[in-house]
Amino acid sequence: AARSADEVPLRIPLSLGPPREDLDKEGGVCTVYDVVFHPDAVAAALSDPDFRALMLELTLHQIKQKHSDELSHDITFPKIKGNY
């Protein structure tokens, strides 16, 4: 496929762990996926909401592709230092 002159190739590698059960805030059982990005990608996501949204979409796509799990786009992040 041909690229337009203003397109920039972008590669965002990630490491996706297997699904595991955990408890949500109310104590109900939920499925959790751990995802690891390069620190530079995390820093960019923290300063750029559009890039953060792109990373979220990429993560949801990878989970669906690898584990055939269709997830809600209603996502929350833990308030634990270092886990965002």
PDB file of N, CA and C in Angstrom:
ATOM      1  N   ALA A   1       0.843  -1.185   0.000  1.00  0.00           N
ATOM      2  CA  ALA A   1       0.000   0.000   0.000  1.00  0.00           C
ATOM      3  C   ALA A   1       0.887   1.247   0.000  1.00  0.00           C
ATOM      4  N   ALA A   2       0.516   2.186  -0.810  1.00  0.00           N
ATOM      5  CA  ALA A   2       1.286   3.433  -0.916  1.00  0.00           C
ATOM      6  C   ALA A   2       0.965   4.347   0.251  1.00  0.00           C
ATOM      7  N   ARG A   3       1.978   5.068   0.723  1.00  0.00           N
ATOM      8  CA  ARG A   3       1.799   6.029   1.812  1.00  0.00           C
ATOM      9  C   ARG A   3       1.744   7.429   1.246  1.00  0.00           C
ATOM     10  N   SER A   4       0.938   8.260   1.879  1.00  0.00           N
ATOM     11  CA  SER A   4       0.930   9.661   1.477  1.00  0.00           C
ATOM     12  C   SER A   4       2.174  10.341   2.057  1.00  0.00           C
ATOM     13  N   ALA A   5       2.519  11.506   1.526  1.00  0.00           N
ATOM     14  CA  ALA A   5       3.734  12.211   1.931  1.00  0.00           C
ATOM     15  C   ALA A   5       3.735  12.609   3.400  1.00  0.00           C
ATOM     16  N   ASP A   6       2.552  12.833   3.986  1.00  0.00           N
ATOM     17  CA  ASP A   6       2.507  13.276   5.383  1.00  0.00           C
ATOM     18  C   ASP A   6       2.350  12.125   6.377  1.00  0.00           C
ATOM     19  N   GLU A   7       2.312  10.878   5.917  1.00  0.00           N
ATOM     20  CA  GLU A   7       2.210   9.735   6.820  1.00  0.00           C
ATOM     21  C   GLU A   7       3.573   9.410   7.414  1.00  0.00           C
ATOM     22  N   VAL A   8       3.556   9.075   8.685  1.00  0.00           N
ATOM     23  CA  VAL A   8       4.778   8.681   9.374  1.00  0.00           C
ATOM     24  C   VAL A   8       4.556   7.275   9.920  1.00  0.00           C
ATOM     25  N   PRO A   9       5.445   6.340   9.579  1.00  0.00           N
ATOM     26  CA  PRO A   9       5.266   4.991  10.120  1.00  0.00           C
ATOM     27  C   PRO A   9       5.412   5.019  11.644  1.00  0.00           C
ATOM     28  N   LEU A  10       4.576   4.256  12.316  1.00  0.00           N
ATOM     29  CA  LEU A  10       4.575   4.248  13.775  1.00  0.00           C
ATOM     30  C   LEU A  10       4.562   2.808  14.253  1.00  0.00           C
ATOM     31  N   ARG A  11       5.445   2.490  15.160  1.00  0.00           N
ATOM     32  CA  ARG A  11       5.519   1.146  15.721  1.00  0.00           C
ATOM     33  C   ARG A  11       5.452   1.284  17.239  1.00  0.00           C
ATOM     34  N   ILE A  12       4.460   0.627  17.834  1.00  0.00           N
ATOM     35  CA  ILE A  12       4.294   0.678  19.288  1.00  0.00           C
ATOM     36  C   ILE A  12       4.292  -0.763  19.801  1.00  0.00           C
ATOM     37  N   PRO A  13       5.470  -1.317  20.093  1.00  0.00           N
ATOM     38  CA  PRO A  13       5.495  -2.690  20.609  1.00  0.00           C
ATOM     39  C   PRO A  13       4.898  -2.752  22.004  1.00  0.00           C
ATOM     40  N   LEU A  14       4.270  -3.881  22.296  1.00  0.00           N
ATOM     41  CA  LEU A  14       3.707  -4.080  23.632  1.00  0.00           C
ATOM     42  C   LEU A  14       3.833  -5.542  24.007  1.00  0.00           C
ATOM     43  N   SER A  15       3.815  -5.790  25.294  1.00  0.00           N
ATOM     44  CA  SER A  15       3.810  -7.148  25.811  1.00  0.00           C
ATOM     45  C   SER A  15       2.476  -7.346  26.531  1.00  0.00           C
ATOM     46  N   LEU A  16       1.731  -8.350  26.100  1.00  0.00           N
ATOM     47  CA  LEU A  16       0.394  -8.617  26.642  1.00  0.00           C
ATOM     48  C   LEU A  16       0.411  -9.940  27.388  1.00  0.00           C
ATOM     49  N   GLY A  17       0.088  -9.884  28.674  1.00  0.00           N
ATOM     50  CA  GLY A  17       0.037 -11.095  29.479  1.00  0.00           C
ATOM     51  C   GLY A  17      -1.260 -11.845  29.273  1.00  0.00           C
ATOM     52  N   PRO A  18      -1.341 -13.059  29.797  1.00  0.00           N
ATOM     53  CA  PRO A  18      -2.566 -13.856  29.676  1.00  0.00           C
ATOM     54  C   PRO A  18      -3.670 -13.285  30.569  1.00  0.00           C
ATOM     55  N   PRO A  19      -4.915 -13.603  30.265  1.00  0.00           N
ATOM     56  CA  PRO A  19      -5.998 -13.139  31.134  1.00  0.00           C
ATOM     57  C   PRO A  19      -5.894 -13.809  32.505  1.00  0.00           C
ATOM     58  N   ARG A  20      -6.285 -13.061  33.520  1.00  0.00           N
ATOM     59  CA  ARG A  20      -6.312 -13.608  34.881  1.00  0.00           C
ATOM     60  C   ARG A  20      -7.499 -13.018  35.617  1.00  0.00           C
ATOM     61  N   GLU A  21      -7.988 -13.747  36.608  1.00  0.00           N
ATOM     62  CA  GLU A  21      -9.110 -13.250  37.406  1.00  0.00           C
ATOM     63  C   GLU A  21      -8.599 -12.386  38.544  1.00  0.00           C
ATOM     64  N   ASP A  22      -9.379 -11.352  38.849  1.00  0.00           N
ATOM     65  CA  ASP A  22      -9.078 -10.463  39.965  1.00  0.00           C
ATOM     66  C   ASP A  22     -10.418  -9.969  40.496  1.00  0.00           C
ATOM     67  N   LEU A  23     -10.379  -9.077  41.454  1.00  0.00           N
ATOM     68  CA  LEU A  23     -11.604  -8.494  41.994  1.00  0.00           C
ATOM     69  C   LEU A  23     -11.670  -7.022  41.631  1.00  0.00           C
ATOM     70  N   ASP A  24     -12.865  -6.558  41.255  1.00  0.00           N
ATOM     71  CA  ASP A  24     -13.040  -5.132  40.970  1.00  0.00           C
ATOM     72  C   ASP A  24     -13.276  -4.374  42.276  1.00  0.00           C
ATOM     73  N   LYS A  25     -13.542  -3.057  42.169  1.00  0.00           N
ATOM     74  CA  LYS A  25     -13.714  -2.216  43.361  1.00  0.00           C
ATOM     75  C   LYS A  25     -14.809  -2.713  44.279  1.00  0.00           C
ATOM     76  N   GLU A  26     -15.871  -3.298  43.697  1.00  0.00           N
ATOM     77  CA  GLU A  26     -17.002  -3.766  44.497  1.00  0.00           C
ATOM     78  C   GLU A  26     -16.813  -5.195  45.000  1.00  0.00           C
ATOM     79  N   GLY A  27     -15.679  -5.820  44.678  1.00  0.00           N
ATOM     80  CA  GLY A  27     -15.418  -7.181  45.132  1.00  0.00           C
ATOM     81  C   GLY A  27     -15.897  -8.244  44.165  1.00  0.00           C
ATOM     82  N   GLY A  28     -16.383  -7.836  43.003  1.00  0.00           N
ATOM     83  CA  GLY A  28     -16.826  -8.806  41.999  1.00  0.00           C
ATOM     84  C   GLY A  28     -15.658  -9.327  41.187  1.00  0.00           C
ATOM     85  N   VAL A  29     -15.812 -10.543  40.693  1.00  0.00           N
ATOM     86  CA  VAL A  29     -14.760 -11.153  39.887  1.00  0.00           C
ATOM     87  C   VAL A  29     -14.722 -10.484  38.509  1.00  0.00           C
ATOM     88  N   CYS A  30     -13.520 -10.188  38.036  1.00  0.00           N
ATOM     89  CA  CYS A  30     -13.345  -9.599  36.707  1.00  0.00           C
ATOM     90  C   CYS A  30     -12.097 -10.197  36.060  1.00  0.00           C
ATOM     91  N   THR A  31     -11.983 -10.006  34.777  1.00  0.00           N
ATOM     92  CA  THR A  31     -10.810 -10.462  34.043  1.00  0.00           C
ATOM     93  C   THR A  31      -9.858  -9.290  33.860  1.00  0.00           C
ATOM     94  N   VAL A  32      -8.575  -9.540  34.093  1.00  0.00           N
ATOM     95  CA  VAL A  32      -7.553  -8.504  34.004  1.00  0.00           C
ATOM     96  C   VAL A  32      -6.500  -8.948  32.994  1.00  0.00           C
ATOM     97  N   TYR A  33      -6.050  -7.998  32.179  1.00  0.00           N
ATOM     98  CA  TYR A  33      -4.922  -8.220  31.273  1.00  0.00           C
ATOM     99  C   TYR A  33      -3.831  -7.235  31.660  1.00  0.00           C
ATOM    100  N   ASP A  34      -2.624  -7.738  31.858  1.00  0.00           N
ATOM    101  CA  ASP A  34      -1.489  -6.862  32.124  1.00  0.00           C
ATOM    102  C   ASP A  34      -0.815  -6.550  30.794  1.00  0.00           C
ATOM    103  N   VAL A  35      -0.546  -5.266  30.571  1.00  0.00           N
ATOM    104  CA  VAL A  35       0.076  -4.814  29.336  1.00  0.00           C
ATOM    105  C   VAL A  35       1.284  -3.963  29.698  1.00  0.00           C
ATOM    106  N   VAL A  36       2.389  -4.202  28.999  1.00  0.00           N
ATOM    107  CA  VAL A  36       3.615  -3.447  29.249  1.00  0.00           C
ATOM    108  C   VAL A  36       4.023  -2.746  27.961  1.00  0.00           C
ATOM    109  N   PHE A  37       4.280  -1.436  28.074  1.00  0.00           N
ATOM    110  CA  PHE A  37       4.777  -0.621  26.974  1.00  0.00           C
ATOM    111  C   PHE A  37       6.154  -0.096  27.328  1.00  0.00           C
ATOM    112  N   HIS A  38       6.900   0.297  26.329  1.00  0.00           N
ATOM    113  CA  HIS A  38       8.195   0.935  26.534  1.00  0.00           C
ATOM    114  C   HIS A  38       7.973   2.243  27.310  1.00  0.00           C
ATOM    115  N   PRO A  39       8.880   2.599  28.224  1.00  0.00           N
ATOM    116  CA  PRO A  39       8.713   3.832  29.007  1.00  0.00           C
ATOM    117  C   PRO A  39       8.530   5.095  28.158  1.00  0.00           C
ATOM    118  N   ASP A  40       9.157   5.160  26.982  1.00  0.00           N
ATOM    119  CA  ASP A  40       8.973   6.331  26.114  1.00  0.00           C
ATOM    120  C   ASP A  40       7.537   6.432  25.614  1.00  0.00           C
ATOM    121  N   ALA A  41       6.930   5.277  25.297  1.00  0.00           N
ATOM    122  CA  ALA A  41       5.534   5.270  24.848  1.00  0.00           C
ATOM    123  C   ALA A  41       4.609   5.698  25.988  1.00  0.00           C
ATOM    124  N   VAL A  42       4.911   5.246  27.201  1.00  0.00           N
ATOM    125  CA  VAL A  42       4.102   5.635  28.365  1.00  0.00           C
ATOM    126  C   VAL A  42       4.215   7.137  28.602  1.00  0.00           C
ATOM    127  N   ALA A  43       5.426   7.667  28.527  1.00  0.00           N
ATOM    128  CA  ALA A  43       5.625   9.107  28.725  1.00  0.00           C
ATOM    129  C   ALA A  43       4.856   9.909  27.680  1.00  0.00           C
ATOM    130  N   ALA A  44       4.883   9.449  26.431  1.00  0.00           N
ATOM    131  CA  ALA A  44       4.145  10.138  25.371  1.00  0.00           C
ATOM    132  C   ALA A  44       2.645  10.076  25.629  1.00  0.00           C
ATOM    133  N   ALA A  45       2.161   8.936  26.102  1.00  0.00           N
ATOM    134  CA  ALA A  45       0.726   8.782  26.379  1.00  0.00           C
ATOM    135  C   ALA A  45       0.279   9.665  27.537  1.00  0.00           C
ATOM    136  N   LEU A  46       1.140   9.851  28.521  1.00  0.00           N
ATOM    137  CA  LEU A  46       0.788  10.694  29.661  1.00  0.00           C
ATOM    138  C   LEU A  46       0.691  12.166  29.285  1.00  0.00           C
ATOM    139  N   SER A  47       1.433  12.563  28.242  1.00  0.00           N
ATOM    140  CA  SER A  47       1.419  13.973  27.857  1.00  0.00           C
ATOM    141  C   SER A  47       0.521  14.268  26.654  1.00  0.00           C
ATOM    142  N   ASP A  48       0.055  13.228  25.965  1.00  0.00           N
ATOM    143  CA  ASP A  48      -0.741  13.420  24.750  1.00  0.00           C
ATOM    144  C   ASP A  48      -1.984  12.533  24.792  1.00  0.00           C
ATOM    145  N   PRO A  49      -3.151  13.100  25.099  1.00  0.00           N
ATOM    146  CA  PRO A  49      -4.381  12.297  25.196  1.00  0.00           C
ATOM    147  C   PRO A  49      -4.724  11.533  23.917  1.00  0.00           C
ATOM    148  N   ASP A  50      -4.403  12.093  22.758  1.00  0.00           N
ATOM    149  CA  ASP A  50      -4.688  11.381  21.498  1.00  0.00           C
ATOM    150  C   ASP A  50      -3.808  10.144  21.356  1.00  0.00           C
ATOM    151  N   PHE A  51      -2.547  10.263  21.742  1.00  0.00           N
ATOM    152  CA  PHE A  51      -1.644   9.114  21.679  1.00  0.00           C
ATOM    153  C   PHE A  51      -2.080   8.056  22.694  1.00  0.00           C
ATOM    154  N   ARG A  52      -2.521   8.509  23.861  1.00  0.00           N
ATOM    155  CA  ARG A  52      -3.013   7.577  24.879  1.00  0.00           C
ATOM    156  C   ARG A  52      -4.226   6.815  24.352  1.00  0.00           C
ATOM    157  N   ALA A  53      -5.137   7.497  23.677  1.00  0.00           N
ATOM    158  CA  ALA A  53      -6.311   6.837  23.095  1.00  0.00           C
ATOM    159  C   ALA A  53      -5.884   5.815  22.040  1.00  0.00           C
ATOM    160  N   LEU A  54      -4.870   6.157  21.249  1.00  0.00           N
ATOM    161  CA  LEU A  54      -4.351   5.230  20.249  1.00  0.00           C
ATOM    162  C   LEU A  54      -3.786   3.980  20.919  1.00  0.00           C
ATOM    163  N   MET A  55      -3.040   4.164  22.002  1.00  0.00           N
ATOM    164  CA  MET A  55      -2.483   3.012  22.725  1.00  0.00           C
ATOM    165  C   MET A  55      -3.590   2.138  23.310  1.00  0.00           C
ATOM    166  N   LEU A  56      -4.645   2.753  23.801  1.00  0.00           N
ATOM    167  CA  LEU A  56      -5.774   1.976  24.328  1.00  0.00           C
ATOM    168  C   LEU A  56      -6.438   1.156  23.229  1.00  0.00           C
ATOM    169  N   GLU A  57      -6.659   1.774  22.081  1.00  0.00           N
ATOM    170  CA  GLU A  57      -7.267   1.059  20.955  1.00  0.00           C
ATOM    171  C   GLU A  57      -6.371  -0.088  20.501  1.00  0.00           C
ATOM    172  N   LEU A  58      -5.063   0.143  20.453  1.00  0.00           N
ATOM    173  CA  LEU A  58      -4.116  -0.899  20.082  1.00  0.00           C
ATOM    174  C   LEU A  58      -4.187  -2.063  21.071  1.00  0.00           C
ATOM    175  N   THR A  59      -4.247  -1.744  22.340  1.00  0.00           N
ATOM    176  CA  THR A  59      -4.322  -2.778  23.376  1.00  0.00           C
ATOM    177  C   THR A  59      -5.606  -3.595  23.242  1.00  0.00           C
ATOM    178  N   LEU A  60      -6.741  -2.928  23.072  1.00  0.00           N
ATOM    179  CA  LEU A  60      -8.016  -3.645  22.913  1.00  0.00           C
ATOM    180  C   LEU A  60      -7.981  -4.538  21.679  1.00  0.00           C
ATOM    181  N   HIS A  61      -7.387  -4.046  20.602  1.00  0.00           N
ATOM    182  CA  HIS A  61      -7.267  -4.834  19.374  1.00  0.00           C
ATOM    183  C   HIS A  61      -6.415  -6.083  19.617  1.00  0.00           C
ATOM    184  N   GLN A  62      -5.288  -5.919  20.319  1.00  0.00           N
ATOM    185  CA  GLN A  62      -4.409  -7.057  20.579  1.00  0.00           C
ATOM    186  C   GLN A  62      -5.087  -8.103  21.460  1.00  0.00           C
ATOM    187  N   ILE A  63      -5.828  -7.658  22.457  1.00  0.00           N
ATOM    188  CA  ILE A  63      -6.548  -8.598  23.334  1.00  0.00           C
ATOM    189  C   ILE A  63      -7.583  -9.368  22.529  1.00  0.00           C
ATOM    190  N   LYS A  64      -8.324  -8.663  21.692  1.00  0.00           N
ATOM    191  CA  LYS A  64      -9.335  -9.326  20.862  1.00  0.00           C
ATOM    192  C   LYS A  64      -8.677 -10.321  19.913  1.00  0.00           C
ATOM    193  N   GLN A  65      -7.574  -9.914  19.289  1.00  0.00           N
ATOM    194  CA  GLN A  65      -6.894 -10.771  18.326  1.00  0.00           C
ATOM    195  C   GLN A  65      -6.259 -11.993  19.000  1.00  0.00           C
ATOM    196  N   LYS A  66      -5.585 -11.791  20.119  1.00  0.00           N
ATOM    197  CA  LYS A  66      -4.839 -12.874  20.766  1.00  0.00           C
ATOM    198  C   LYS A  66      -5.722 -13.796  21.610  1.00  0.00           C
ATOM    199  N   HIS A  67      -6.737 -13.218  22.264  1.00  0.00           N
ATOM    200  CA  HIS A  67      -7.538 -14.014  23.203  1.00  0.00           C
ATOM    201  C   HIS A  67      -9.012 -14.109  22.810  1.00  0.00           C
ATOM    202  N   SER A  68      -9.376 -13.559  21.669  1.00  0.00           N
ATOM    203  CA  SER A  68     -10.773 -13.572  21.193  1.00  0.00           C
ATOM    204  C   SER A  68     -11.723 -13.036  22.250  1.00  0.00           C
ATOM    205  N   ASP A  69     -11.283 -12.016  22.975  1.00  0.00           N
ATOM    206  CA  ASP A  69     -12.088 -11.421  24.048  1.00  0.00           C
ATOM    207  C   ASP A  69     -12.485 -10.005  23.635  1.00  0.00           C
ATOM    208  N   GLU A  70     -13.780  -9.787  23.486  1.00  0.00           N
ATOM    209  CA  GLU A  70     -14.314  -8.468  23.114  1.00  0.00           C
ATOM    210  C   GLU A  70     -14.514  -7.670  24.394  1.00  0.00           C
ATOM    211  N   LEU A  71     -13.766  -6.602  24.563  1.00  0.00           N
ATOM    212  CA  LEU A  71     -13.814  -5.831  25.801  1.00  0.00           C
ATOM    213  C   LEU A  71     -14.598  -4.538  25.639  1.00  0.00           C
ATOM    214  N   SER A  72     -15.130  -4.080  26.738  1.00  0.00           N
ATOM    215  CA  SER A  72     -15.768  -2.773  26.788  1.00  0.00           C
ATOM    216  C   SER A  72     -14.699  -1.705  26.622  1.00  0.00           C
ATOM    217  N   HIS A  73     -15.078  -0.581  26.069  1.00  0.00           N
ATOM    218  CA  HIS A  73     -14.138   0.535  25.949  1.00  0.00           C
ATOM    219  C   HIS A  73     -14.218   1.448  27.169  1.00  0.00           C
ATOM    220  N   ASP A  74     -14.951   1.031  28.195  1.00  0.00           N
ATOM    221  CA  ASP A  74     -15.047   1.755  29.457  1.00  0.00           C
ATOM    222  C   ASP A  74     -13.897   1.262  30.345  1.00  0.00           C
ATOM    223  N   ILE A  75     -12.752   1.931  30.239  1.00  0.00           N
ATOM    224  CA  ILE A  75     -11.517   1.458  30.859  1.00  0.00           C
ATOM    225  C   ILE A  75     -11.120   2.373  32.007  1.00  0.00           C
ATOM    226  N   THR A  76     -10.617   1.757  33.068  1.00  0.00           N
ATOM    227  CA  THR A  76     -10.067   2.525  34.181  1.00  0.00           C
ATOM    228  C   THR A  76      -8.630   2.091  34.403  1.00  0.00           C
ATOM    229  N   PHE A  77      -7.850   2.967  35.032  1.00  0.00           N
ATOM    230  CA  PHE A  77      -6.465   2.688  35.314  1.00  0.00           C
ATOM    231  C   PHE A  77      -6.262   2.639  36.816  1.00  0.00           C
ATOM    232  N   PRO A  78      -5.475   1.675  37.298  1.00  0.00           N
ATOM    233  CA  PRO A  78      -5.206   1.641  38.732  1.00  0.00           C
ATOM    234  C   PRO A  78      -4.412   2.857  39.154  1.00  0.00           C
ATOM    235  N   LYS A  79      -4.641   3.304  40.369  1.00  0.00           N
ATOM    236  CA  LYS A  79      -3.933   4.473  40.902  1.00  0.00           C
ATOM    237  C   LYS A  79      -2.693   4.022  41.680  1.00  0.00           C
ATOM    238  N   ILE A  80      -1.936   3.123  41.084  1.00  0.00           N
ATOM    239  CA  ILE A  80      -0.744   2.601  41.723  1.00  0.00           C
ATOM    240  C   ILE A  80       0.465   3.145  40.977  1.00  0.00           C
ATOM    241  N   LYS A  81       1.354   3.792  41.705  1.00  0.00           N
ATOM    242  CA  LYS A  81       2.535   4.392  41.064  1.00  0.00           C
ATOM    243  C   LYS A  81       3.312   3.324  40.288  1.00  0.00           C
ATOM    244  N   GLY A  82       3.588   3.671  39.030  1.00  0.00           N
ATOM    245  CA  GLY A  82       4.357   2.761  38.199  1.00  0.00           C
ATOM    246  C   GLY A  82       3.514   1.812  37.380  1.00  0.00           C
ATOM    247  N   ASN A  83       2.210   1.732  37.636  1.00  0.00           N
ATOM    248  CA  ASN A  83       1.348   0.810  36.902  1.00  0.00           C
ATOM    249  C   ASN A  83       0.435   1.548  35.934  1.00  0.00           C
ATOM    250  N   TYR A  84       0.910   2.532  35.281  1.00  0.00           N
ATOM    251  CA  TYR A  84       0.093   3.245  34.317  1.00  0.00           C
ATOM    252  C   TYR A  84       0.912   3.536  33.119  1.00  0.00           C
TER     253      TYR A  84
END
